């Protein structure tokens, strides 16, 4: 078992790298989509991760009521500075939500229908780990997206 502090270290590390990529790309490139079927812009990728953090850690783990429009996350665009500001607020909230975790207990709020269920009985610990899983997965996607955009 890891501590909340250790968990936040790894989540922060992934989020830091994502924010740095967005910052380096700037407004135009961060809002561009590679010429690949179904590709998302870097802005969309980070924006989606903020939704993941809020929903899974905030609502499912911590029990906060979260309003999330998942479909809108994939249509979002805007200034990089505002997205980075939102990412910093989301990071602080993730730390607060993670601090409430009771790892072996069931979620405080069950995942909504349509959310991908884990292959086992969900626990708060597993749901928090899912947040990190998404951050790590999308960091890799963001790195590849950046490389494609810079190569083009």
Protein backbone atom coordinates (compact mmCIF):
# COMPACT_ATOMS: atom_id res chain seq x y z
CA UNK A 1 0.00 0.00 0.00
CA UNK A 2 1.26 3.48 -0.77
CA UNK A 3 0.57 6.65 1.14
CA UNK A 4 -1.54 9.52 -0.14
CA UNK A 5 1.66 11.58 -0.31
CA UNK A 6 3.32 8.95 -2.51
CA UNK A 7 0.24 8.71 -4.72
CA UNK A 8 0.11 12.48 -5.17
CA UNK A 9 3.80 12.55 -6.06
CA UNK A 10 3.24 10.24 -9.03
CA UNK A 11 -0.02 11.90 -10.11
CA UNK A 12 1.69 15.31 -9.89
CA UNK A 13 4.63 14.09 -11.93
CA UNK A 14 2.34 13.00 -14.80
CA UNK A 15 0.32 16.22 -14.56
CA UNK A 16 3.49 18.35 -14.49
CA UNK A 17 4.71 16.74 -17.71
CA UNK A 18 1.35 17.27 -19.38
CA UNK A 19 1.24 20.93 -18.37
CA UNK A 20 4.80 21.48 -19.60
CA UNK A 21 3.94 20.02 -23.02
CA UNK A 22 0.87 22.26 -23.31
CA UNK A 23 2.91 25.29 -22.24
CA UNK A 24 5.63 24.55 -24.80
CA UNK A 25 3.15 24.04 -27.63
CA UNK A 26 1.37 27.35 -27.06
CA UNK A 27 -2.19 28.25 -28.01
CA UNK A 28 -2.12 27.37 -31.72
CA UNK A 29 -0.41 23.98 -31.57
CA UNK A 30 -2.10 22.95 -28.31
CA UNK A 31 -5.45 23.40 -30.03
CA UNK A 32 -4.43 21.56 -33.24
CA UNK A 33 -5.33 17.97 -33.99
CA UNK A 34 -2.91 15.71 -35.84
CA UNK A 35 -4.09 14.61 -39.27
CA UNK A 36 -5.12 11.18 -37.99
CA UNK A 37 -8.62 9.77 -37.80
CA UNK A 38 -10.10 10.39 -34.36
CA UNK A 39 -7.05 12.26 -33.04
CA UNK A 40 -7.47 14.73 -30.20
CA UNK A 41 -5.65 18.00 -29.70
CA UNK A 42 -3.21 18.34 -26.81
CA UNK A 43 -5.70 20.78 -25.23
CA UNK A 44 -8.44 18.15 -25.38
CA UNK A 45 -6.21 15.46 -23.88
CA UNK A 46 -5.33 17.54 -20.82
CA UNK A 47 -8.86 18.89 -20.51
CA UNK A 48 -10.21 15.32 -20.50
CA UNK A 49 -7.72 14.37 -17.77
CA UNK A 50 -9.02 17.20 -15.61
CA UNK A 51 -12.51 15.75 -16.02
CA UNK A 52 -11.22 12.29 -15.10
CA UNK A 53 -9.57 13.65 -11.96
CA UNK A 54 -12.64 15.55 -10.87
CA UNK A 55 -15.11 12.76 -11.51
CA UNK A 56 -13.23 9.67 -10.29
CA UNK A 57 -11.36 11.21 -7.35
CA UNK A 58 -13.92 13.87 -6.49
CA UNK A 59 -17.25 12.15 -6.94
CA UNK A 60 -16.50 8.44 -6.78
CA UNK A 61 -13.76 8.50 -4.10
CA UNK A 62 -14.43 11.64 -2.05
CA UNK A 63 -18.20 11.73 -2.56
CA UNK A 64 -18.41 15.30 -3.88
CA UNK A 65 -21.14 16.12 -6.40
CA UNK A 66 -19.38 16.70 -9.72
CA UNK A 67 -20.99 18.04 -12.88
CA UNK A 68 -19.14 16.52 -15.82
CA UNK A 69 -19.87 16.69 -19.53
CA UNK A 70 -17.51 14.05 -20.87
CA UNK A 71 -18.51 14.64 -24.50
CA UNK A 72 -17.74 18.36 -24.17
CA UNK A 73 -14.26 17.53 -22.88
CA UNK A 74 -13.42 16.22 -26.35
CA UNK A 75 -14.69 19.34 -28.14
CA UNK A 76 -12.93 21.86 -25.90
CA UNK A 77 -10.39 24.44 -27.00
CA UNK A 78 -9.07 27.68 -25.64
CA UNK A 79 -6.09 29.58 -24.29
CA UNK A 80 -3.29 27.49 -22.83
CA UNK A 81 -2.89 29.83 -19.84
CA UNK A 82 -6.48 29.22 -18.73
CA UNK A 83 -6.12 25.43 -19.11
CA UNK A 84 -2.91 25.46 -17.06
CA UNK A 85 -4.66 27.52 -14.37
CA UNK A 86 -7.49 24.97 -14.28
CA UNK A 87 -4.94 22.15 -14.09
CA UNK A 88 -3.36 23.71 -11.01
CA UNK A 89 -6.76 24.03 -9.32
CA UNK A 90 -7.56 20.42 -10.27
CA UNK A 91 -4.23 19.29 -8.81
CA UNK A 92 -5.02 20.95 -5.48
CA UNK A 93 -8.48 19.37 -5.49
CA UNK A 94 -7.00 15.94 -6.31
CA UNK A 95 -4.76 16.24 -3.26
CA UNK A 96 -7.78 17.10 -1.09
CA UNK A 97 -9.86 14.27 -2.56
CA UNK A 98 -7.03 11.73 -2.23
CA UNK A 99 -6.62 12.68 1.42
CA UNK A 100 -10.15 11.36 2.07
CA UNK A 101 -9.49 7.90 0.62
CA UNK A 102 -10.28 4.78 2.60
CA UNK A 103 -8.54 2.36 0.21
CA UNK A 104 -10.44 -0.86 0.96
CA UNK A 105 -13.87 0.74 1.28
CA UNK A 106 -16.46 0.91 -1.51
CA UNK A 107 -16.73 4.17 -3.44
CA UNK A 108 -18.59 6.92 -1.63
CA UNK A 109 -20.62 7.33 -4.81
CA UNK A 110 -20.98 4.49 -7.28
CA UNK A 111 -19.68 5.23 -10.79
CA UNK A 112 -22.41 6.42 -13.16
CA UNK A 113 -23.91 3.97 -15.59
CA UNK A 114 -21.84 3.97 -18.73
CA UNK A 115 -18.60 4.47 -16.82
CA UNK A 116 -16.16 1.69 -17.45
CA UNK A 117 -16.40 -0.61 -14.43
CA UNK A 118 -13.28 -2.23 -13.04
CA UNK A 119 -12.97 -6.00 -13.45
CA UNK A 120 -13.29 -6.43 -9.69
CA UNK A 121 -15.49 -5.07 -6.92
CA UNK A 122 -14.64 -1.35 -6.90
CA UNK A 123 -12.91 0.20 -3.92
CA UNK A 124 -11.90 3.78 -3.28
CA UNK A 125 -8.27 2.73 -3.62
CA UNK A 126 -8.89 1.12 -7.02
CA UNK A 127 -10.79 4.17 -8.23
CA UNK A 128 -7.95 6.47 -7.16
CA UNK A 129 -5.50 4.20 -8.93
CA UNK A 130 -7.71 4.48 -12.02
CA UNK A 131 -7.12 8.24 -11.98
CA UNK A 132 -3.37 7.66 -12.12
CA UNK A 133 -3.85 5.02 -14.84
CA UNK A 134 -5.66 7.60 -16.98
CA UNK A 135 -3.04 10.28 -16.33
CA UNK A 136 -0.19 7.96 -17.30
CA UNK A 137 -2.00 6.67 -20.40
CA UNK A 138 -2.89 10.13 -21.61
CA UNK A 139 0.57 11.49 -20.87
CA UNK A 140 1.91 8.99 -23.41
CA UNK A 141 -0.81 9.99 -25.87
CA UNK A 142 0.04 13.66 -25.33
CA UNK A 143 3.75 13.02 -25.89
CA UNK A 144 3.04 11.28 -29.20
CA UNK A 145 0.57 13.97 -30.24
CA UNK A 146 3.15 16.66 -29.51
CA UNK A 147 5.77 14.82 -31.55
CA UNK A 148 3.42 14.45 -34.52
CA UNK A 149 2.41 18.12 -34.41
CA UNK A 150 6.02 19.31 -34.16
CA UNK A 151 7.12 17.00 -37.00
CA UNK A 152 4.39 18.30 -39.30
